[in-house]
Amino acid sequence: MKKVIFIFVLTMFFSNLTKAQNYTDFTLPDLEGNDVKVSELLKSGPVWLGFWATWCTPCKEEMKHMNTLWEKYKDKGFTYIAVNNDDQKSLSKVKSYVGANGYEFPVVLDTDQKIFEAYQGNGHPFSIFISQDGKIVARHLGYVSGDEKKFEEEIINQLK
């Protein structure tokens, strides 16, 4: 009986992974206090949400590569949004870090981590890739060197 239950649970888990889920729209302030709304950005093409924090070394490495991909594909409709999860105490580090690295992609602030939690984030870096039609087509947790190749393939597939 335990074996049957285990197989059922595994089947349900993997079937949920393969079903495309719709994203949940949200609006967050950027570093200048302007509202950024995901549904507005989706009108131009797919949107990659990269959840990060200044204390997260893998996040910073991933952002470097995502900046390259954003530069390469932004004119084709791809948007990368860096969703910062620092708390109120370390917010001053966010703007200086972004500026020091010359990043020009949108950076929004999710200081209470409500959006991170809504997307069931459980570690950093955490990414959600949303197709232009509003489906979540990829989720990524963590970053290791070389992941950017997989990310680029996913971006190219959504821009076709």
N, C-alpha and C. Protein backbone atom coordinates (compact mmCIF):
# COMPACT_ATOMS: atom_id res chain seq x y z
N MET A 1 0.82 -1.19 0.00
CA MET A 1 0.00 0.00 0.00
C MET A 1 0.86 1.26 0.00
N LYS A 2 1.97 1.24 0.79
CA LYS A 2 2.86 2.40 0.83
C LYS A 2 3.44 2.68 -0.56
N LYS A 3 3.73 1.61 -1.28
CA LYS A 3 4.30 1.75 -2.61
C LYS A 3 3.31 2.44 -3.56
N VAL A 4 2.04 2.08 -3.45
CA VAL A 4 1.01 2.68 -4.29
C VAL A 4 0.86 4.16 -3.96
N ILE A 5 0.85 4.50 -2.70
CA ILE A 5 0.74 5.90 -2.29
C ILE A 5 1.95 6.69 -2.78
N PHE A 6 3.13 6.12 -2.62
CA PHE A 6 4.36 6.78 -3.07
C PHE A 6 4.32 7.04 -4.57
N ILE A 7 3.91 6.06 -5.35
CA ILE A 7 3.82 6.21 -6.81
C ILE A 7 2.79 7.28 -7.16
N PHE A 8 1.66 7.30 -6.45
CA PHE A 8 0.62 8.30 -6.69
C PHE A 8 1.16 9.71 -6.42
N VAL A 9 1.85 9.88 -5.30
CA VAL A 9 2.41 11.19 -4.94
C VAL A 9 3.43 11.63 -5.99
N LEU A 10 4.30 10.73 -6.39
CA LEU A 10 5.29 11.06 -7.43
C LEU A 10 4.62 11.46 -8.74
N THR A 11 3.60 10.71 -9.12
CA THR A 11 2.87 11.01 -10.36
C THR A 11 2.25 12.39 -10.29
N MET A 12 1.62 12.73 -9.18
CA MET A 12 0.99 14.04 -9.02
C MET A 12 2.05 15.15 -9.06
N PHE A 13 3.19 14.91 -8.39
CA PHE A 13 4.26 15.91 -8.36
C PHE A 13 4.77 16.19 -9.78
N PHE A 14 5.09 15.16 -10.52
CA PHE A 14 5.65 15.35 -11.85
C PHE A 14 4.62 15.86 -12.85
N SER A 15 3.36 15.51 -12.67
CA SER A 15 2.35 16.04 -13.58
C SER A 15 2.15 17.53 -13.35
N ASN A 16 2.29 17.98 -12.12
CA ASN A 16 2.19 19.41 -11.83
C ASN A 16 3.37 20.18 -12.40
N LEU A 17 4.52 19.55 -12.47
CA LEU A 17 5.69 20.22 -13.03
C LEU A 17 5.55 20.45 -14.53
N THR A 18 4.88 19.56 -15.20
CA THR A 18 4.79 19.67 -16.65
C THR A 18 3.66 20.58 -17.11
N LYS A 19 2.69 20.83 -16.27
CA LYS A 19 1.59 21.71 -16.65
C LYS A 19 2.07 23.16 -16.57
N ALA A 20 1.84 23.90 -17.62
CA ALA A 20 2.19 25.32 -17.60
C ALA A 20 1.20 26.05 -16.70
N GLN A 21 1.72 26.82 -15.80
CA GLN A 21 0.88 27.61 -14.91
C GLN A 21 0.88 29.05 -15.38
N ASN A 22 -0.20 29.73 -15.10
CA ASN A 22 -0.26 31.15 -15.41
C ASN A 22 0.47 31.94 -14.33
N TYR A 23 1.06 33.04 -14.74
CA TYR A 23 1.74 33.89 -13.78
C TYR A 23 0.71 34.70 -13.01
N THR A 24 1.13 35.27 -11.90
CA THR A 24 0.31 36.18 -11.12
C THR A 24 0.87 37.57 -11.32
N ASP A 25 0.05 38.47 -11.80
CA ASP A 25 0.50 39.83 -12.08
C ASP A 25 0.82 40.56 -10.78
N PHE A 26 1.76 41.47 -10.85
CA PHE A 26 2.09 42.30 -9.69
C PHE A 26 2.71 43.60 -10.17
N THR A 27 2.72 44.56 -9.27
CA THR A 27 3.36 45.85 -9.48
C THR A 27 4.29 46.09 -8.31
N LEU A 28 5.55 46.43 -8.60
CA LEU A 28 6.52 46.76 -7.56
C LEU A 28 7.25 48.04 -7.96
N PRO A 29 7.77 48.77 -6.96
CA PRO A 29 8.53 49.97 -7.28
C PRO A 29 9.94 49.63 -7.76
N ASP A 30 10.43 50.42 -8.71
CA ASP A 30 11.83 50.26 -9.13
C ASP A 30 12.71 51.12 -8.23
N LEU A 31 13.98 51.23 -8.54
CA LEU A 31 14.91 51.96 -7.69
C LEU A 31 14.65 53.46 -7.63
N GLU A 32 13.89 53.97 -8.60
CA GLU A 32 13.55 55.40 -8.60
C GLU A 32 12.14 55.64 -8.05
N GLY A 33 11.47 54.59 -7.61
CA GLY A 33 10.13 54.73 -7.05
C GLY A 33 9.01 54.62 -8.07
N ASN A 34 9.34 54.34 -9.34
CA ASN A 34 8.32 54.16 -10.38
C ASN A 34 7.74 52.76 -10.30
N ASP A 35 6.45 52.64 -10.56
CA ASP A 35 5.81 51.33 -10.54
C ASP A 35 6.14 50.55 -11.82
N VAL A 36 6.47 49.28 -11.63
CA VAL A 36 6.72 48.37 -12.75
C VAL A 36 5.69 47.25 -12.64
N LYS A 37 4.91 47.08 -13.70
CA LYS A 37 3.84 46.06 -13.72
C LYS A 37 4.19 45.01 -14.77
N VAL A 38 4.19 43.76 -14.36
CA VAL A 38 4.59 42.66 -15.24
C VAL A 38 3.70 42.57 -16.47
N SER A 39 2.40 42.71 -16.30
CA SER A 39 1.49 42.58 -17.45
C SER A 39 1.80 43.62 -18.53
N GLU A 40 2.26 44.79 -18.16
CA GLU A 40 2.64 45.81 -19.15
C GLU A 40 3.88 45.36 -19.92
N LEU A 41 4.84 44.76 -19.23
CA LEU A 41 6.07 44.31 -19.88
C LEU A 41 5.82 43.12 -20.80
N LEU A 42 4.85 42.29 -20.44
CA LEU A 42 4.53 41.11 -21.26
C LEU A 42 3.96 41.48 -22.62
N LYS A 43 3.48 42.70 -22.77
CA LYS A 43 2.94 43.13 -24.06
C LYS A 43 4.04 43.14 -25.13
N SER A 44 5.29 43.29 -24.70
CA SER A 44 6.43 43.34 -25.64
C SER A 44 7.07 41.99 -25.88
N GLY A 45 6.88 41.05 -24.95
CA GLY A 45 7.52 39.75 -25.10
C GLY A 45 7.66 39.05 -23.75
N PRO A 46 8.42 37.95 -23.71
CA PRO A 46 8.57 37.18 -22.48
C PRO A 46 9.33 37.96 -21.40
N VAL A 47 9.05 37.62 -20.14
CA VAL A 47 9.66 38.30 -19.00
C VAL A 47 10.31 37.28 -18.07
N TRP A 48 11.55 37.56 -17.72
CA TRP A 48 12.32 36.73 -16.78
C TRP A 48 12.39 37.47 -15.46
N LEU A 49 11.88 36.85 -14.39
CA LEU A 49 11.97 37.42 -13.05
C LEU A 49 13.13 36.75 -12.32
N GLY A 50 14.13 37.52 -11.98
CA GLY A 50 15.28 36.98 -11.26
C GLY A 50 15.30 37.51 -9.83
N PHE A 51 14.93 36.67 -8.87
CA PHE A 51 14.91 37.06 -7.46
C PHE A 51 16.33 36.97 -6.90
N TRP A 52 16.79 38.05 -6.24
CA TRP A 52 18.17 38.10 -5.78
C TRP A 52 18.28 38.97 -4.53
N ALA A 53 19.45 38.92 -3.92
CA ALA A 53 19.76 39.77 -2.76
C ALA A 53 21.24 40.13 -2.81
N THR A 54 21.60 41.24 -2.20
CA THR A 54 22.99 41.69 -2.26
C THR A 54 23.94 40.75 -1.52
N TRP A 55 23.44 40.00 -0.57
CA TRP A 55 24.28 39.09 0.20
C TRP A 55 24.50 37.75 -0.51
N CYS A 56 23.87 37.55 -1.66
CA CYS A 56 23.87 36.26 -2.37
C CYS A 56 24.90 36.27 -3.50
N THR A 57 26.02 35.60 -3.29
CA THR A 57 27.07 35.55 -4.31
C THR A 57 26.62 34.89 -5.61
N PRO A 58 25.93 33.73 -5.57
CA PRO A 58 25.46 33.15 -6.83
C PRO A 58 24.48 34.06 -7.58
N CYS A 59 23.71 34.85 -6.83
CA CYS A 59 22.79 35.80 -7.46
C CYS A 59 23.56 36.81 -8.30
N LYS A 60 24.64 37.32 -7.74
CA LYS A 60 25.44 38.32 -8.43
C LYS A 60 26.08 37.74 -9.69
N GLU A 61 26.51 36.50 -9.60
CA GLU A 61 27.10 35.84 -10.78
C GLU A 61 26.03 35.64 -11.86
N GLU A 62 24.86 35.19 -11.45
CA GLU A 62 23.76 35.00 -12.40
C GLU A 62 23.38 36.32 -13.06
N MET A 63 23.30 37.39 -12.28
CA MET A 63 22.91 38.70 -12.82
C MET A 63 23.87 39.17 -13.90
N LYS A 64 25.15 38.89 -13.71
CA LYS A 64 26.15 39.27 -14.70
C LYS A 64 25.82 38.63 -16.06
N HIS A 65 25.47 37.35 -16.02
CA HIS A 65 25.14 36.63 -17.26
C HIS A 65 23.77 37.05 -17.80
N MET A 66 22.83 37.30 -16.90
CA MET A 66 21.50 37.74 -17.36
C MET A 66 21.59 39.13 -17.99
N ASN A 67 22.50 39.96 -17.51
CA ASN A 67 22.69 41.27 -18.13
C ASN A 67 23.14 41.10 -19.58
N THR A 68 24.06 40.17 -19.81
CA THR A 68 24.54 39.89 -21.17
C THR A 68 23.39 39.41 -22.05
N LEU A 69 22.57 38.50 -21.52
CA LEU A 69 21.43 37.98 -22.29
C LEU A 69 20.39 39.07 -22.53
N TRP A 70 20.16 39.89 -21.53
CA TRP A 70 19.20 40.99 -21.69
C TRP A 70 19.68 41.96 -22.78
N GLU A 71 20.96 42.31 -22.73
CA GLU A 71 21.52 43.20 -23.76
C GLU A 71 21.34 42.59 -25.16
N LYS A 72 21.55 41.30 -25.25
CA LYS A 72 21.50 40.61 -26.54
C LYS A 72 20.07 40.50 -27.10
N TYR A 73 19.08 40.32 -26.22
CA TYR A 73 17.72 40.02 -26.69
C TYR A 73 16.67 41.08 -26.35
N LYS A 74 17.03 42.16 -25.68
CA LYS A 74 16.02 43.16 -25.29
C LYS A 74 15.34 43.79 -26.49
N ASP A 75 16.06 43.97 -27.58
CA ASP A 75 15.46 44.58 -28.77
C ASP A 75 14.52 43.63 -29.50
N LYS A 76 14.51 42.37 -29.10
CA LYS A 76 13.60 41.38 -29.69
C LYS A 76 12.38 41.14 -28.80
N GLY A 77 12.27 41.91 -27.71
CA GLY A 77 11.10 41.80 -26.84
C GLY A 77 11.35 41.14 -25.50
N PHE A 78 12.55 40.65 -25.24
CA PHE A 78 12.86 39.99 -23.97
C PHE A 78 13.08 41.02 -22.87
N THR A 79 12.47 40.78 -21.71
CA THR A 79 12.68 41.64 -20.55
C THR A 79 13.20 40.81 -19.39
N TYR A 80 14.26 41.31 -18.77
CA TYR A 80 14.79 40.74 -17.53
C TYR A 80 14.50 41.73 -16.42
N ILE A 81 13.86 41.26 -15.35
CA ILE A 81 13.61 42.08 -14.18
C ILE A 81 14.33 41.45 -13.00
N ALA A 82 15.20 42.22 -12.38
CA ALA A 82 15.88 41.77 -11.16
C ALA A 82 15.00 42.17 -9.98
N VAL A 83 14.45 41.17 -9.30
CA VAL A 83 13.54 41.41 -8.18
C VAL A 83 14.36 41.26 -6.90
N ASN A 84 14.65 42.40 -6.27
CA ASN A 84 15.51 42.38 -5.09
C ASN A 84 14.73 42.03 -3.83
N ASN A 85 15.31 41.14 -3.02
CA ASN A 85 14.68 40.70 -1.78
C ASN A 85 15.42 41.15 -0.52
N ASP A 86 16.28 42.16 -0.65
CA ASP A 86 16.93 42.70 0.55
C ASP A 86 15.88 43.32 1.46
N ASP A 87 16.18 43.37 2.75
CA ASP A 87 15.25 44.02 3.67
C ASP A 87 15.51 45.53 3.69
N GLN A 88 14.70 46.24 4.42
CA GLN A 88 14.78 47.70 4.45
C GLN A 88 16.16 48.19 4.89
N LYS A 89 16.83 47.46 5.79
CA LYS A 89 18.12 47.88 6.31
C LYS A 89 19.21 47.90 5.24
N SER A 90 19.14 47.00 4.28
CA SER A 90 20.23 46.90 3.29
C SER A 90 19.85 47.45 1.91
N LEU A 91 18.74 48.17 1.83
CA LEU A 91 18.30 48.71 0.54
C LEU A 91 19.31 49.67 -0.08
N SER A 92 20.05 50.40 0.73
CA SER A 92 21.02 51.34 0.18
C SER A 92 22.10 50.62 -0.63
N LYS A 93 22.38 49.38 -0.28
CA LYS A 93 23.38 48.59 -1.01
C LYS A 93 22.90 48.22 -2.41
N VAL A 94 21.60 48.08 -2.56
CA VAL A 94 21.02 47.63 -3.83
C VAL A 94 21.32 48.62 -4.95
N LYS A 95 20.96 49.87 -4.74
CA LYS A 95 21.15 50.90 -5.76
C LYS A 95 22.63 51.08 -6.09
N SER A 96 23.49 51.07 -5.08
CA SER A 96 24.92 51.25 -5.35
C SER A 96 25.50 50.04 -6.08
N TYR A 97 25.03 48.84 -5.76
CA TYR A 97 25.51 47.65 -6.46
C TYR A 97 25.10 47.67 -7.93
N VAL A 98 23.85 47.99 -8.19
CA VAL A 98 23.34 48.05 -9.55
C VAL A 98 24.10 49.11 -10.35
N GLY A 99 24.27 50.28 -9.76
CA GLY A 99 24.98 51.36 -10.43
C GLY A 99 26.44 51.04 -10.68
N ALA A 100 27.11 50.45 -9.71
CA ALA A 100 28.53 50.11 -9.84
C ALA A 100 28.77 49.11 -10.96
N ASN A 101 27.79 48.28 -11.24
CA ASN A 101 27.92 47.27 -12.29
C ASN A 101 27.36 47.73 -13.63
N GLY A 102 26.80 48.92 -13.66
CA GLY A 102 26.28 49.48 -14.90
C GLY A 102 25.04 48.77 -15.43
N TYR A 103 24.31 48.10 -14.54
CA TYR A 103 23.10 47.40 -14.98
C TYR A 103 22.01 48.41 -15.31
N GLU A 104 21.36 48.22 -16.45
CA GLU A 104 20.29 49.12 -16.87
C GLU A 104 18.94 48.42 -16.99
N PHE A 105 18.90 47.11 -16.76
CA PHE A 105 17.63 46.40 -16.77
C PHE A 105 16.81 46.84 -15.56
N PRO A 106 15.49 46.62 -15.60
CA PRO A 106 14.66 47.02 -14.46
C PRO A 106 15.03 46.25 -13.19
N VAL A 107 15.13 46.97 -12.10
CA VAL A 107 15.35 46.39 -10.78
C VAL A 107 14.19 46.86 -9.91
N VAL A 108 13.45 45.91 -9.37
CA VAL A 108 12.31 46.25 -8.51
C VAL A 108 12.56 45.72 -7.11
N LEU A 109 11.84 46.30 -6.15
CA LEU A 109 12.07 46.00 -4.74
C LEU A 109 10.91 45.21 -4.14
N ASP A 110 11.23 44.03 -3.63
CA ASP A 110 10.26 43.15 -2.98
C ASP A 110 10.76 42.92 -1.55
N THR A 111 10.84 44.01 -0.77
CA THR A 111 11.47 43.95 0.55
C THR A 111 10.74 43.06 1.54
N ASP A 112 9.43 42.92 1.39
CA ASP A 112 8.69 42.04 2.30
C ASP A 112 8.58 40.62 1.75
N GLN A 113 9.17 40.38 0.59
CA GLN A 113 9.23 39.08 -0.08
C GLN A 113 7.86 38.47 -0.38
N LYS A 114 6.85 39.31 -0.52
CA LYS A 114 5.50 38.80 -0.83
C LYS A 114 5.44 38.19 -2.23
N ILE A 115 6.11 38.79 -3.19
CA ILE A 115 6.10 38.25 -4.55
C ILE A 115 6.94 36.98 -4.60
N PHE A 116 8.09 37.01 -3.94
CA PHE A 116 8.95 35.82 -3.83
C PHE A 116 8.16 34.65 -3.26
N GLU A 117 7.42 34.88 -2.20
CA GLU A 117 6.62 33.84 -1.57
C GLU A 117 5.45 33.41 -2.45
N ALA A 118 4.84 34.37 -3.14
CA ALA A 118 3.71 34.05 -4.02
C ALA A 118 4.13 33.09 -5.13
N TYR A 119 5.38 33.20 -5.57
CA TYR A 119 5.91 32.30 -6.60
C TYR A 119 6.60 31.09 -5.99
N GLN A 120 6.43 30.89 -4.69
CA GLN A 120 6.94 29.74 -3.95
C GLN A 120 8.47 29.66 -4.00
N GLY A 121 9.10 30.83 -3.91
CA GLY A 121 10.55 30.86 -3.83
C GLY A 121 11.02 30.28 -2.51
N ASN A 122 12.09 29.52 -2.55
CA ASN A 122 12.61 28.94 -1.31
C ASN A 122 14.13 28.98 -1.26
N GLY A 123 14.73 29.91 -1.95
CA GLY A 123 16.17 30.09 -1.95
C GLY A 123 16.55 31.07 -3.04
N HIS A 124 17.78 31.52 -2.99
CA HIS A 124 18.27 32.49 -3.97
C HIS A 124 19.52 31.95 -4.65
N PRO A 125 19.74 32.30 -5.88
CA PRO A 125 18.83 32.98 -6.78
C PRO A 125 17.67 32.06 -7.18
N PHE A 126 16.57 32.69 -7.49
CA PHE A 126 15.36 31.98 -7.90
C PHE A 126 14.80 32.73 -9.09
N SER A 127 14.44 32.01 -10.16
CA SER A 127 13.95 32.66 -11.37
C SER A 127 12.66 32.04 -11.85
N ILE A 128 11.83 32.89 -12.42
CA ILE A 128 10.59 32.50 -13.07
C ILE A 128 10.65 33.09 -14.47
N PHE A 129 10.38 32.28 -15.49
CA PHE A 129 10.35 32.78 -16.86
C PHE A 129 8.92 32.68 -17.36
N ILE A 130 8.39 33.82 -17.80
CA ILE A 130 6.99 33.91 -18.20
C ILE A 130 6.92 34.18 -19.71
N SER A 131 6.20 33.34 -20.42
CA SER A 131 6.02 33.54 -21.86
C SER A 131 5.11 34.74 -22.09
N GLN A 132 5.12 35.26 -23.30
CA GLN A 132 4.31 36.44 -23.60
C GLN A 132 2.82 36.20 -23.38
N ASP A 133 2.38 34.94 -23.49
CA ASP A 133 0.96 34.65 -23.26
C ASP A 133 0.64 34.39 -21.79
N GLY A 134 1.61 34.66 -20.90
CA GLY A 134 1.34 34.59 -19.47
C GLY A 134 1.54 33.25 -18.81
N LYS A 135 2.17 32.32 -19.48
CA LYS A 135 2.43 30.99 -18.90
C LYS A 135 3.83 30.97 -18.28
N ILE A 136 3.95 30.35 -17.13
CA ILE A 136 5.27 30.14 -16.54
C ILE A 136 5.89 28.96 -17.27
N VAL A 137 6.95 29.22 -18.01
CA VAL A 137 7.56 28.19 -18.84
C VAL A 137 8.83 27.61 -18.23
N ALA A 138 9.36 28.27 -17.20
CA ALA A 138 10.57 27.74 -16.54
C ALA A 138 10.68 28.32 -15.14
N ARG A 139 11.25 27.50 -14.26
CA ARG A 139 11.61 27.90 -12.89
C ARG A 139 13.03 27.41 -12.65
N HIS A 140 13.81 28.24 -12.01
CA HIS A 140 15.19 27.83 -11.70
C HIS A 140 15.51 28.22 -10.27
N LEU A 141 16.16 27.32 -9.56
CA LEU A 141 16.63 27.60 -8.21
C LEU A 141 18.12 27.39 -8.19
N GLY A 142 18.86 28.41 -7.75
CA GLY A 142 20.31 28.34 -7.69
C GLY A 142 20.93 28.70 -9.03
N TYR A 143 22.24 28.81 -9.00
CA TYR A 143 22.98 29.11 -10.22
C TYR A 143 24.35 28.47 -10.13
N VAL A 144 24.74 27.79 -11.20
CA VAL A 144 26.11 27.30 -11.36
C VAL A 144 26.59 27.74 -12.73
N SER A 145 27.87 27.95 -12.83
CA SER A 145 28.46 28.38 -14.09
C SER A 145 28.03 27.45 -15.22
N GLY A 146 27.60 28.03 -16.31
CA GLY A 146 27.11 27.25 -17.44
C GLY A 146 25.60 27.27 -17.57
N ASP A 147 24.88 27.60 -16.49
CA ASP A 147 23.42 27.67 -16.55
C ASP A 147 22.95 28.68 -17.58
N GLU A 148 23.77 29.69 -17.83
CA GLU A 148 23.37 30.74 -18.78
C GLU A 148 23.13 30.19 -20.18
N LYS A 149 23.78 29.08 -20.52
CA LYS A 149 23.54 28.46 -21.84
C LYS A 149 22.11 27.92 -21.92
N LYS A 150 21.67 27.29 -20.85
CA LYS A 150 20.29 26.78 -20.78
C LYS A 150 19.31 27.95 -20.78
N PHE A 151 19.63 29.01 -20.04
CA PHE A 151 18.77 30.19 -19.99
C PHE A 151 18.61 30.79 -21.39
N GLU A 152 19.72 30.88 -22.12
CA GLU A 152 19.66 31.46 -23.46
C GLU A 152 18.79 30.63 -24.38
N GLU A 153 18.89 29.31 -24.30
CA GLU A 153 18.04 28.44 -25.12
C GLU A 153 16.56 28.70 -24.81
N GLU A 154 16.24 28.83 -23.53
CA GLU A 154 14.85 29.09 -23.14
C GLU A 154 14.37 30.43 -23.69
N ILE A 155 15.22 31.43 -23.64
CA ILE A 155 14.87 32.75 -24.15
C ILE A 155 14.63 32.67 -25.65
N ILE A 156 15.55 32.06 -26.37
CA ILE A 156 15.41 31.93 -27.83
C ILE A 156 14.12 31.21 -28.19
N ASN A 157 13.79 30.14 -27.47
CA ASN A 157 12.56 29.39 -27.74
C ASN A 157 11.32 30.25 -27.55
N GLN A 158 11.35 31.18 -26.63
CA GLN A 158 10.18 32.03 -26.39
C GLN A 158 10.10 33.20 -27.36
N LEU A 159 11.20 33.53 -27.99
CA LEU A 159 11.21 34.65 -28.94
C LEU A 159 10.84 34.22 -30.34
N LYS A 160 10.71 32.93 -30.57
CA LYS A 160 10.37 32.42 -31.91
C LYS A 160 8.93 32.72 -32.27
